[in-house]
């Protein structure tokens, strides 16, 4: 495990090691990672946060989505208000993948709820970021250059669009919904933490993982639409030597069930806080 008394040197060594491991574990497909024996074995590793001089107060959301975009925006606003009322020192609120509507549906439906960026949904959420002076990340269907993109947007406390990540690694569900893949990597800094943006299956992408390993990210800021249950440990955090934020959705959408699993895991892969099978949010403070 890394020696946090020499964080800069060790982070560089760890990043180099990750890149070497990635070369060894890259799967048969051009841009798909397989699980290596160390990851699969699941030995418990202790993570020590050092002097904890930097902290980031986050809220991770599990949300039940409506088919109607307008209903989802009303709910997003209500959740933001609830979080900031109960935890006014929250720095970052994290919503799941494509939460402005249902995740899996026809391309015609996705087109009907998709927006360009900037657009009405972005403008509303950016306004709420400004009103509460908080960063907000959320997934949406984006219409860009005649293509549908599964996108993750981060707005700033100033009400600005801080970053946009478009999903690299598509699932069969994405293809049913008409989404197009777009190779891109996006990092941003929030309170001395370097965050790398990923959407769901992006965590299996060789190219994107390599970009973030080389960038020495501290946190994987991700968004999910996932049915999975709680894992014993988080392979992705361990692989990336980074915290991971795992927001999600819950409920049934036209026969597709989502578990509502949300969690925060540390760089050793330990799940530090989680909730499952409920709509709501959890609060956690990440330190380094």
C-alpha atoms as a PDB file:
ATOM      1  CA  UNK A   1       0.000   0.000   0.000  1.00  0.00           C
ATOM      2  CA  UNK A   2       1.229   3.502  -0.695  1.00  0.00           C
ATOM      3  CA  UNK A   3       3.194   5.416   1.955  1.00  0.00           C
ATOM      4  CA  UNK A   4       1.168   8.550   2.457  1.00  0.00           C
ATOM      5  CA  UNK A   5       4.037  10.313   4.204  1.00  0.00           C
ATOM      6  CA  UNK A   6       5.525  10.784   0.731  1.00  0.00           C
ATOM      7  CA  UNK A   7       2.336  11.295  -1.289  1.00  0.00           C
ATOM      8  CA  UNK A   8       3.724  12.916  -4.417  1.00  0.00           C
ATOM      9  CA  UNK A   9       6.494  10.380  -5.067  1.00  0.00           C
ATOM     10  CA  UNK A  10       4.325   7.427  -4.194  1.00  0.00           C
ATOM     11  CA  UNK A  11       1.411   8.634  -6.354  1.00  0.00           C
ATOM     12  CA  UNK A  12       3.794   8.797  -9.317  1.00  0.00           C
ATOM     13  CA  UNK A  13       5.073   5.270  -8.625  1.00  0.00           C
ATOM     14  CA  UNK A  14       1.536   3.924  -8.208  1.00  0.00           C
ATOM     15  CA  UNK A  15       0.371   5.603 -11.421  1.00  0.00           C
ATOM     16  CA  UNK A  16       3.269   4.072 -13.346  1.00  0.00           C
ATOM     17  CA  UNK A  17       2.528   0.670 -11.832  1.00  0.00           C
ATOM     18  CA  UNK A  18      -1.141   0.927 -12.799  1.00  0.00           C
ATOM     19  CA  UNK A  19      -0.250   1.670 -16.401  1.00  0.00           C
ATOM     20  CA  UNK A  20       2.058  -1.364 -16.485  1.00  0.00           C
ATOM     21  CA  UNK A  21      -0.674  -3.562 -14.994  1.00  0.00           C
ATOM     22  CA  UNK A  22      -3.169  -2.262 -17.537  1.00  0.00           C
ATOM     23  CA  UNK A  23      -0.909  -3.360 -20.353  1.00  0.00           C
ATOM     24  CA  UNK A  24      -0.820  -6.850 -18.849  1.00  0.00           C
ATOM     25  CA  UNK A  25      -4.568  -7.160 -18.194  1.00  0.00           C
ATOM     26  CA  UNK A  26      -5.982  -5.577 -21.325  1.00  0.00           C
ATOM     27  CA  UNK A  27      -8.599  -7.943 -22.729  1.00  0.00           C
ATOM     28  CA  UNK A  28      -8.953  -9.448 -26.169  1.00  0.00           C
ATOM     29  CA  UNK A  29     -11.118  -6.578 -27.288  1.00  0.00           C
ATOM     30  CA  UNK A  30      -9.198  -3.456 -28.253  1.00  0.00           C
ATOM     31  CA  UNK A  31     -10.458  -1.225 -25.453  1.00  0.00           C
ATOM     32  CA  UNK A  32     -11.785  -3.584 -22.787  1.00  0.00           C
ATOM     33  CA  UNK A  33     -10.111  -4.535 -19.529  1.00  0.00           C
ATOM     34  CA  UNK A  34     -10.323  -7.975 -17.962  1.00  0.00           C
ATOM     35  CA  UNK A  35     -10.064  -8.621 -14.218  1.00  0.00           C
ATOM     36  CA  UNK A  36      -6.580  -9.656 -13.124  1.00  0.00           C
ATOM     37  CA  UNK A  37      -5.942 -12.286 -10.394  1.00  0.00           C
ATOM     38  CA  UNK A  38      -5.041  -9.671  -7.771  1.00  0.00           C
ATOM     39  CA  UNK A  39      -8.339  -7.855  -8.314  1.00  0.00           C
ATOM     40  CA  UNK A  40     -10.374 -11.051  -8.369  1.00  0.00           C
ATOM     41  CA  UNK A  41      -8.776 -12.498  -5.232  1.00  0.00           C
ATOM     42  CA  UNK A  42     -10.176  -9.739  -3.046  1.00  0.00           C
ATOM     43  CA  UNK A  43      -7.683  -9.673  -0.174  1.00  0.00           C
ATOM     44  CA  UNK A  44      -8.528  -6.921   2.307  1.00  0.00           C
ATOM     45  CA  UNK A  45      -6.128  -3.984   2.195  1.00  0.00           C
ATOM     46  CA  UNK A  46      -6.071  -1.197   4.772  1.00  0.00           C
ATOM     47  CA  UNK A  47      -6.230   2.382   3.538  1.00  0.00           C
ATOM     48  CA  UNK A  48      -4.795   5.088   5.789  1.00  0.00           C
ATOM     49  CA  UNK A  49      -5.721   8.663   4.823  1.00  0.00           C
ATOM     50  CA  UNK A  50      -2.613  10.280   6.314  1.00  0.00           C
ATOM     51  CA  UNK A  51      -3.087  13.670   7.983  1.00  0.00           C
ATOM     52  CA  UNK A  52      -6.454  14.281   6.291  1.00  0.00           C
ATOM     53  CA  UNK A  53      -5.587  17.875   5.525  1.00  0.00           C
ATOM     54  CA  UNK A  54      -8.062  18.047   2.639  1.00  0.00           C
ATOM     55  CA  UNK A  55     -11.713  17.015   2.813  1.00  0.00           C
ATOM     56  CA  UNK A  56     -14.615  16.898   0.372  1.00  0.00           C
ATOM     57  CA  UNK A  57     -18.170  16.648   1.682  1.00  0.00           C
ATOM     58  CA  UNK A  58     -20.301  14.735  -0.803  1.00  0.00           C
ATOM     59  CA  UNK A  59     -23.886  13.513  -1.175  1.00  0.00           C
ATOM     60  CA  UNK A  60     -24.527  10.419  -3.318  1.00  0.00           C
ATOM     61  CA  UNK A  61     -28.059  10.042  -4.695  1.00  0.00           C
ATOM     62  CA  UNK A  62     -30.274   7.079  -5.570  1.00  0.00           C
ATOM     63  CA  UNK A  63     -33.230   8.347  -7.584  1.00  0.00           C
ATOM     64  CA  UNK A  64     -36.377   6.794  -9.037  1.00  0.00           C
ATOM     65  CA  UNK A  65     -36.835   8.268 -12.511  1.00  0.00           C
ATOM     66  CA  UNK A  66     -40.002   9.120 -14.404  1.00  0.00           C
ATOM     67  CA  UNK A  67     -40.492   8.819 -18.147  1.00  0.00           C
ATOM     68  CA  UNK A  68     -41.214  12.548 -18.117  1.00  0.00           C
ATOM     69  CA  UNK A  69     -38.200  14.844 -18.027  1.00  0.00           C
ATOM     70  CA  UNK A  70     -40.174  17.598 -16.313  1.00  0.00           C
ATOM     71  CA  UNK A  71     -41.028  15.305 -13.382  1.00  0.00           C
ATOM     72  CA  UNK A  72     -37.390  14.333 -12.985  1.00  0.00           C
ATOM     73  CA  UNK A  73     -36.235  17.941 -12.875  1.00  0.00           C
ATOM     74  CA  UNK A  74     -38.794  18.679 -10.150  1.00  0.00           C
ATOM     75  CA  UNK A  75     -37.474  15.708  -8.166  1.00  0.00           C
ATOM     76  CA  UNK A  76     -33.835  16.697  -8.704  1.00  0.00           C
ATOM     77  CA  UNK A  77     -34.595  20.158  -7.309  1.00  0.00           C
ATOM     78  CA  UNK A  78     -36.376  18.642  -4.299  1.00  0.00           C
ATOM     79  CA  UNK A  79     -33.465  16.287  -3.559  1.00  0.00           C
ATOM     80  CA  UNK A  80     -30.949  19.136  -3.802  1.00  0.00           C
ATOM     81  CA  UNK A  81     -33.055  21.204  -1.387  1.00  0.00           C
ATOM     82  CA  UNK A  82     -33.262  18.282   1.061  1.00  0.00           C
ATOM     83  CA  UNK A  83     -29.518  17.633   0.962  1.00  0.00           C
ATOM     84  CA  UNK A  84     -28.559  21.257   1.460  1.00  0.00           C
ATOM     85  CA  UNK A  85     -31.115  21.710   4.227  1.00  0.00           C
ATOM     86  CA  UNK A  86     -29.797  18.724   6.188  1.00  0.00           C
ATOM     87  CA  UNK A  87     -26.096  19.087   5.288  1.00  0.00           C
ATOM     88  CA  UNK A  88     -25.415  22.728   4.307  1.00  0.00           C
ATOM     89  CA  UNK A  89     -21.635  22.152   4.131  1.00  0.00           C
ATOM     90  CA  UNK A  90     -22.008  19.686   1.231  1.00  0.00           C
ATOM     91  CA  UNK A  91     -19.489  20.462  -1.531  1.00  0.00           C
ATOM     92  CA  UNK A  92     -20.650  18.040  -4.250  1.00  0.00           C
ATOM     93  CA  UNK A  93     -23.999  16.348  -4.995  1.00  0.00           C
ATOM     94  CA  UNK A  94     -23.785  13.311  -7.295  1.00  0.00           C
ATOM     95  CA  UNK A  95     -26.714  11.957  -9.316  1.00  0.00           C
ATOM     96  CA  UNK A  96     -26.766   8.832 -11.493  1.00  0.00           C
ATOM     97  CA  UNK A  97     -26.608   8.056 -15.201  1.00  0.00           C
ATOM     98  CA  UNK A  98     -29.170   9.556 -17.630  1.00  0.00           C
ATOM     99  CA  UNK A  99     -31.506  10.650 -14.832  1.00  0.00           C
ATOM    100  CA  UNK A 100     -33.507  13.132 -16.909  1.00  0.00           C
ATOM    101  CA  UNK A 101     -35.561  10.151 -18.145  1.00  0.00           C
ATOM    102  CA  UNK A 102     -35.662   6.378 -18.391  1.00  0.00           C
ATOM    103  CA  UNK A 103     -32.358   4.756 -19.277  1.00  0.00           C
ATOM    104  CA  UNK A 104     -33.404   1.965 -21.667  1.00  0.00           C
ATOM    105  CA  UNK A 105     -36.038   2.840 -24.231  1.00  0.00           C
ATOM    106  CA  UNK A 106     -36.308   3.507 -27.954  1.00  0.00           C
ATOM    107  CA  UNK A 107     -34.039   5.935 -29.757  1.00  0.00           C
ATOM    108  CA  UNK A 108     -37.162   7.975 -30.533  1.00  0.00           C
ATOM    109  CA  UNK A 109     -37.854   8.388 -26.822  1.00  0.00           C
ATOM    110  CA  UNK A 110     -34.247   9.251 -25.980  1.00  0.00           C
ATOM    111  CA  UNK A 111     -34.248  11.821 -28.777  1.00  0.00           C
ATOM    112  CA  UNK A 112     -37.403  13.374 -27.315  1.00  0.00           C
ATOM    113  CA  UNK A 113     -35.773  13.957 -23.898  1.00  0.00           C
ATOM    114  CA  UNK A 114     -32.270  14.784 -25.156  1.00  0.00           C
ATOM    115  CA  UNK A 115     -30.994  18.350 -25.056  1.00  0.00           C
ATOM    116  CA  UNK A 116     -28.077  20.262 -26.432  1.00  0.00           C
ATOM    117  CA  UNK A 117     -25.635  21.714 -23.912  1.00  0.00           C
ATOM    118  CA  UNK A 118     -26.402  24.353 -22.779  1.00  0.00           C
ATOM    119  CA  UNK A 119     -30.146  23.718 -22.655  1.00  0.00           C
ATOM    120  CA  UNK A 120     -33.170  23.999 -20.334  1.00  0.00           C
ATOM    121  CA  UNK A 121     -32.243  21.142 -17.970  1.00  0.00           C
ATOM    122  CA  UNK A 122     -28.636  22.299 -17.674  1.00  0.00           C
ATOM    123  CA  UNK A 123     -29.731  25.880 -17.096  1.00  0.00           C
ATOM    124  CA  UNK A 124     -32.053  24.800 -14.266  1.00  0.00           C
ATOM    125  CA  UNK A 125     -29.487  22.628 -12.498  1.00  0.00           C
ATOM    126  CA  UNK A 126     -26.756  25.244 -12.937  1.00  0.00           C
ATOM    127  CA  UNK A 127     -29.093  27.771 -11.310  1.00  0.00           C
ATOM    128  CA  UNK A 128     -29.640  25.438  -8.334  1.00  0.00           C
ATOM    129  CA  UNK A 129     -25.858  24.973  -8.081  1.00  0.00           C
ATOM    130  CA  UNK A 130     -25.514  28.720  -7.815  1.00  0.00           C
ATOM    131  CA  UNK A 131     -28.364  29.140  -5.346  1.00  0.00           C
ATOM    132  CA  UNK A 132     -26.929  26.542  -2.976  1.00  0.00           C
ATOM    133  CA  UNK A 133     -23.267  27.227  -3.790  1.00  0.00           C
ATOM    134  CA  UNK A 134     -22.580  23.549  -4.484  1.00  0.00           C
ATOM    135  CA  UNK A 135     -21.088  21.413  -7.274  1.00  0.00           C
ATOM    136  CA  UNK A 136     -23.608  19.054  -8.904  1.00  0.00           C
ATOM    137  CA  UNK A 137     -22.920  16.092 -11.207  1.00  0.00           C
ATOM    138  CA  UNK A 138     -25.708  14.377 -13.125  1.00  0.00           C
ATOM    139  CA  UNK A 139     -26.264  12.190 -16.179  1.00  0.00           C
ATOM    140  CA  UNK A 140     -28.436  13.150 -19.128  1.00  0.00           C
ATOM    141  CA  UNK A 141     -29.217  12.385 -22.764  1.00  0.00           C
ATOM    142  CA  UNK A 142     -27.364  14.927 -24.877  1.00  0.00           C
ATOM    143  CA  UNK A 143     -27.936  15.791 -28.516  1.00  0.00           C
ATOM    144  CA  UNK A 144     -24.545  16.690 -30.002  1.00  0.00           C
ATOM    145  CA  UNK A 145     -23.605  17.051 -33.657  1.00  0.00           C
ATOM    146  CA  UNK A 146     -26.553  14.916 -34.852  1.00  0.00           C
ATOM    147  CA  UNK A 147     -25.661  12.167 -32.349  1.00  0.00           C
ATOM    148  CA  UNK A 148     -27.167  11.027 -29.072  1.00  0.00           C
ATOM    149  CA  UNK A 149     -24.634  10.957 -26.257  1.00  0.00           C
ATOM    150  CA  UNK A 150     -24.931   9.492 -22.777  1.00  0.00           C
ATOM    151  CA  UNK A 151     -23.366  12.396 -20.908  1.00  0.00           C
ATOM    152  CA  UNK A 152     -22.267  13.350 -17.403  1.00  0.00           C
ATOM    153  CA  UNK A 153     -22.319  17.057 -16.591  1.00  0.00           C
ATOM    154  CA  UNK A 154     -20.774  18.911 -13.648  1.00  0.00           C
ATOM    155  CA  UNK A 155     -22.018  22.377 -12.703  1.00  0.00           C
ATOM    156  CA  UNK A 156     -20.185  24.761 -10.393  1.00  0.00           C
ATOM    157  CA  UNK A 157     -21.201  26.906  -7.406  1.00  0.00           C
ATOM    158  CA  UNK A 158     -20.953  29.869  -9.773  1.00  0.00           C
ATOM    159  CA  UNK A 159     -23.697  28.382 -11.935  1.00  0.00           C
ATOM    160  CA  UNK A 160     -21.333  27.466 -14.764  1.00  0.00           C
ATOM    161  CA  UNK A 161     -20.933  24.234 -16.741  1.00  0.00           C
ATOM    162  CA  UNK A 162     -17.635  22.989 -15.349  1.00  0.00           C
ATOM    163  CA  UNK A 163     -17.199  19.734 -17.295  1.00  0.00           C
ATOM    164  CA  UNK A 164     -19.003  17.406 -19.733  1.00  0.00           C
ATOM    165  CA  UNK A 165     -18.056  13.747 -20.112  1.00  0.00           C
ATOM    166  CA  UNK A 166     -19.569  11.597 -22.856  1.00  0.00           C
ATOM    167  CA  UNK A 167     -19.708   7.838 -22.414  1.00  0.00           C
ATOM    168  CA  UNK A 168     -16.872   5.956 -24.130  1.00  0.00           C
ATOM    169  CA  UNK A 169     -17.755   2.305 -23.499  1.00  0.00           C
ATOM    170  CA  UNK A 170     -21.328   1.504 -24.504  1.00  0.00           C
ATOM    171  CA  UNK A 171     -23.474  -1.357 -23.215  1.00  0.00           C
ATOM    172  CA  UNK A 172     -26.158  -3.190 -25.235  1.00  0.00           C
ATOM    173  CA  UNK A 173     -28.690  -1.032 -23.369  1.00  0.00           C
ATOM    174  CA  UNK A 174     -26.991   2.104 -24.676  1.00  0.00           C
ATOM    175  CA  UNK A 175     -27.157   0.761 -28.207  1.00  0.00           C
ATOM    176  CA  UNK A 176     -30.881  -0.038 -27.884  1.00  0.00           C
ATOM    177  CA  UNK A 177     -31.428   3.541 -26.760  1.00  0.00           C
ATOM    178  CA  UNK A 178     -29.531   4.919 -29.752  1.00  0.00           C
ATOM    179  CA  UNK A 179     -26.493   6.332 -27.980  1.00  0.00           C
ATOM    180  CA  UNK A 180     -23.192   6.840 -29.799  1.00  0.00           C
ATOM    181  CA  UNK A 181     -19.772   6.311 -28.239  1.00  0.00           C
ATOM    182  CA  UNK A 182     -17.363   9.226 -28.002  1.00  0.00           C
ATOM    183  CA  UNK A 183     -13.723   8.870 -26.945  1.00  0.00           C
ATOM    184  CA  UNK A 184     -12.967  11.559 -24.372  1.00  0.00           C
ATOM    185  CA  UNK A 185     -11.441  11.973 -20.932  1.00  0.00           C
ATOM    186  CA  UNK A 186     -12.275  14.716 -18.467  1.00  0.00           C
ATOM    187  CA  UNK A 187     -10.638  15.702 -15.196  1.00  0.00           C
ATOM    188  CA  UNK A 188     -11.426  18.600 -12.890  1.00  0.00           C
ATOM    189  CA  UNK A 189     -10.274  19.939  -9.553  1.00  0.00           C
ATOM    190  CA  UNK A 190     -12.609  20.456  -6.599  1.00  0.00           C
ATOM    191  CA  UNK A 191     -11.037  21.600  -3.310  1.00  0.00           C
ATOM    192  CA  UNK A 192      -7.567  20.134  -4.012  1.00  0.00           C
ATOM    193  CA  UNK A 193      -9.017  16.829  -5.240  1.00  0.00           C
ATOM    194  CA  UNK A 194      -8.364  15.716  -8.817  1.00  0.00           C
ATOM    195  CA  UNK A 195     -11.510  14.008 -10.173  1.00  0.00           C
ATOM    196  CA  UNK A 196     -11.814  11.838 -13.294  1.00  0.00           C
ATOM    197  CA  UNK A 197     -15.266  11.442 -14.863  1.00  0.00           C
ATOM    198  CA  UNK A 198     -16.651   8.043 -15.915  1.00  0.00           C
ATOM    199  CA  UNK A 199     -20.087   6.717 -16.832  1.00  0.00           C
ATOM    200  CA  UNK A 200     -20.967   3.118 -15.879  1.00  0.00           C
ATOM    201  CA  UNK A 201     -19.184   0.734 -18.329  1.00  0.00           C
ATOM    202  CA  UNK A 202     -16.428   3.332 -18.859  1.00  0.00           C
ATOM    203  CA  UNK A 203     -14.766   1.710 -15.838  1.00  0.00           C
ATOM    204  CA  UNK A 204     -13.939  -1.248 -18.132  1.00  0.00           C
ATOM    205  CA  UNK A 205     -12.317   0.894 -20.818  1.00  0.00           C
ATOM    206  CA  UNK A 206      -8.557   0.473 -21.242  1.00  0.00           C
ATOM    207  CA  UNK A 207      -7.949   3.827 -22.935  1.00  0.00           C
ATOM    208  CA  UNK A 208      -9.878   5.923 -20.399  1.00  0.00           C
ATOM    209  CA  UNK A 209      -8.467   4.083 -17.384  1.00  0.00           C
ATOM    210  CA  UNK A 210      -4.960   4.704 -18.719  1.00  0.00           C
ATOM    211  CA  UNK A 211      -5.676   8.438 -19.106  1.00  0.00           C
ATOM    212  CA  UNK A 212      -6.804   8.748 -15.500  1.00  0.00           C
ATOM    213  CA  UNK A 213      -3.977   6.608 -14.126  1.00  0.00           C
ATOM    214  CA  UNK A 214      -1.492   8.927 -15.806  1.00  0.00           C
ATOM    215  CA  UNK A 215      -3.387  11.961 -14.483  1.00  0.00           C
ATOM    216  CA  UNK A 216      -3.050  10.707 -10.868  1.00  0.00           C
ATOM    217  CA  UNK A 217      -6.705  11.235 -10.079  1.00  0.00           C
ATOM    218  CA  UNK A 218      -7.843  11.147  -6.446  1.00  0.00           C
ATOM    219  CA  UNK A 219     -11.517  10.404  -7.104  1.00  0.00           C
ATOM    220  CA  UNK A 220     -13.494   8.586  -9.797  1.00  0.00           C
ATOM    221  CA  UNK A 221     -16.638  10.672 -10.204  1.00  0.00           C
ATOM    222  CA  UNK A 222     -18.980   8.198 -11.876  1.00  0.00           C
ATOM    223  CA  UNK A 223     -22.662   7.812 -12.715  1.00  0.00           C
ATOM    224  CA  UNK A 224     -24.505   4.491 -12.967  1.00  0.00           C
ATOM    225  CA  UNK A 225     -27.771   2.893 -14.050  1.00  0.00           C
ATOM    226  CA  UNK A 226     -27.129  -0.473 -12.470  1.00  0.00           C
ATOM    227  CA  UNK A 227     -29.037  -3.475 -11.066  1.00  0.00           C
ATOM    228  CA  UNK A 228     -26.058  -4.841  -9.117  1.00  0.00           C
ATOM    229  CA  UNK A 229     -26.010  -5.707  -5.435  1.00  0.00           C
ATOM    230  CA  UNK A 230     -23.390  -4.633  -2.920  1.00  0.00           C
ATOM    231  CA  UNK A 231     -19.940  -6.076  -3.770  1.00  0.00           C
ATOM    232  CA  UNK A 232     -17.527  -7.299  -1.106  1.00  0.00           C
ATOM    233  CA  UNK A 233     -15.027  -4.716  -2.289  1.00  0.00           C
ATOM    234  CA  UNK A 234     -14.608  -2.362  -5.243  1.00  0.00           C
ATOM    235  CA  UNK A 235     -12.273  -3.584  -7.986  1.00  0.00           C
ATOM    236  CA  UNK A 236     -12.283  -0.215  -9.768  1.00  0.00           C
ATOM    237  CA  UNK A 237     -11.074   1.802  -6.762  1.00  0.00           C
ATOM    238  CA  UNK A 238      -8.300  -0.705  -6.173  1.00  0.00           C
ATOM    239  CA  UNK A 239      -7.301  -0.709  -9.847  1.00  0.00           C
ATOM    240  CA  UNK A 240      -7.212   3.087 -10.026  1.00  0.00           C
ATOM    241  CA  UNK A 241      -5.829   3.731  -6.521  1.00  0.00           C
ATOM    242  CA  UNK A 242      -8.621   6.291  -6.128  1.00  0.00           C
ATOM    243  CA  UNK A 243     -11.842   6.891  -4.249  1.00  0.00           C
ATOM    244  CA  UNK A 244     -14.995   6.107  -6.237  1.00  0.00           C
ATOM    245  CA  UNK A 245     -18.374   7.803  -5.950  1.00  0.00           C
ATOM    246  CA  UNK A 246     -21.204   5.512  -7.096  1.00  0.00           C
ATOM    247  CA  UNK A 247     -24.595   7.253  -7.596  1.00  0.00           C
ATOM    248  CA  UNK A 248     -27.405   5.209  -9.158  1.00  0.00           C
ATOM    249  CA  UNK A 249     -31.128   4.928  -9.856  1.00  0.00           C
ATOM    250  CA  UNK A 250     -33.780   2.712  -8.309  1.00  0.00           C
ATOM    251  CA  UNK A 251     -37.138   1.196  -9.230  1.00  0.00           C
ATOM    252  CA  UNK A 252     -38.640  -0.481 -12.278  1.00  0.00           C
ATOM    253  CA  UNK A 253     -38.519   1.115 -15.718  1.00  0.00           C
ATOM    254  CA  UNK A 254     -40.579  -0.809 -18.239  1.00  0.00           C
ATOM    255  CA  UNK A 255     -39.434  -4.183 -16.887  1.00  0.00           C
ATOM    256  CA  UNK A 256     -35.872  -3.154 -16.062  1.00  0.00           C
ATOM    257  CA  UNK A 257     -35.147  -3.205 -12.326  1.00  0.00           C
ATOM    258  CA  UNK A 258     -32.487  -1.020 -10.724  1.00  0.00           C
ATOM    259  CA  UNK A 259     -31.121  -1.826  -7.284  1.00  0.00           C
ATOM    260  CA  UNK A 260     -30.648   1.703  -6.004  1.00  0.00           C
ATOM    261  CA  UNK A 261     -27.173   0.736  -4.782  1.00  0.00           C
ATOM    262  CA  UNK A 262     -25.100   3.804  -3.941  1.00  0.00           C
ATOM    263  CA  UNK A 263     -21.721   3.831  -2.230  1.00  0.00           C
ATOM    264  CA  UNK A 264     -18.367   5.459  -1.636  1.00  0.00           C
ATOM    265  CA  UNK A 265     -15.225   3.298  -1.737  1.00  0.00           C
ATOM    266  CA  UNK A 266     -11.670   4.153  -0.758  1.00  0.00           C
ATOM    267  CA  UNK A 267      -8.501   3.567  -2.841  1.00  0.00           C
ATOM    268  CA  UNK A 268      -8.052   0.101  -1.294  1.00  0.00           C
ATOM    269  CA  UNK A 269     -11.487  -0.900  -2.590  1.00  0.00           C
ATOM    270  CA  UNK A 270     -13.228  -0.899   0.802  1.00  0.00           C
ATOM    271  CA  UNK A 271     -16.876   0.214   0.713  1.00  0.00           C
ATOM    272  CA  UNK A 272     -16.914   3.023   3.273  1.00  0.00           C
ATOM    273  CA  UNK A 273     -20.627   3.859   3.134  1.00  0.00           C
ATOM    274  CA  UNK A 274     -23.573   2.480   1.170  1.00  0.00           C
ATOM    275  CA  UNK A 275     -27.349   2.234   0.809  1.00  0.00           C
ATOM    276  CA  UNK A 276     -29.436  -0.069  -1.381  1.00  0.00           C
ATOM    277  CA  UNK A 277     -33.049  -0.681  -2.489  1.00  0.00           C
ATOM    278  CA  UNK A 278     -34.242   2.748  -1.435  1.00  0.00           C
ATOM    279  CA  UNK A 279     -34.625   6.157  -3.002  1.00  0.00           C
ATOM    280  CA  UNK A 280     -32.601   8.757  -1.151  1.00  0.00           C
ATOM    281  CA  UNK A 281     -29.027   9.856  -0.524  1.00  0.00           C
ATOM    282  CA  UNK A 282     -26.047   9.261   1.695  1.00  0.00           C
ATOM    283  CA  UNK A 283     -23.512  11.763   2.961  1.00  0.00           C
ATOM    284  CA  UNK A 284     -19.808  11.075   3.252  1.00  0.00           C
ATOM    285  CA  UNK A 285     -16.595  13.069   3.728  1.00  0.00           C
ATOM    286  CA  UNK A 286     -13.642  12.022   1.572  1.00  0.00           C
ATOM    287  CA  UNK A 287     -10.238  12.901   3.024  1.00  0.00           C
ATOM    288  CA  UNK A 288      -6.640  12.746   1.871  1.00  0.00           C
END
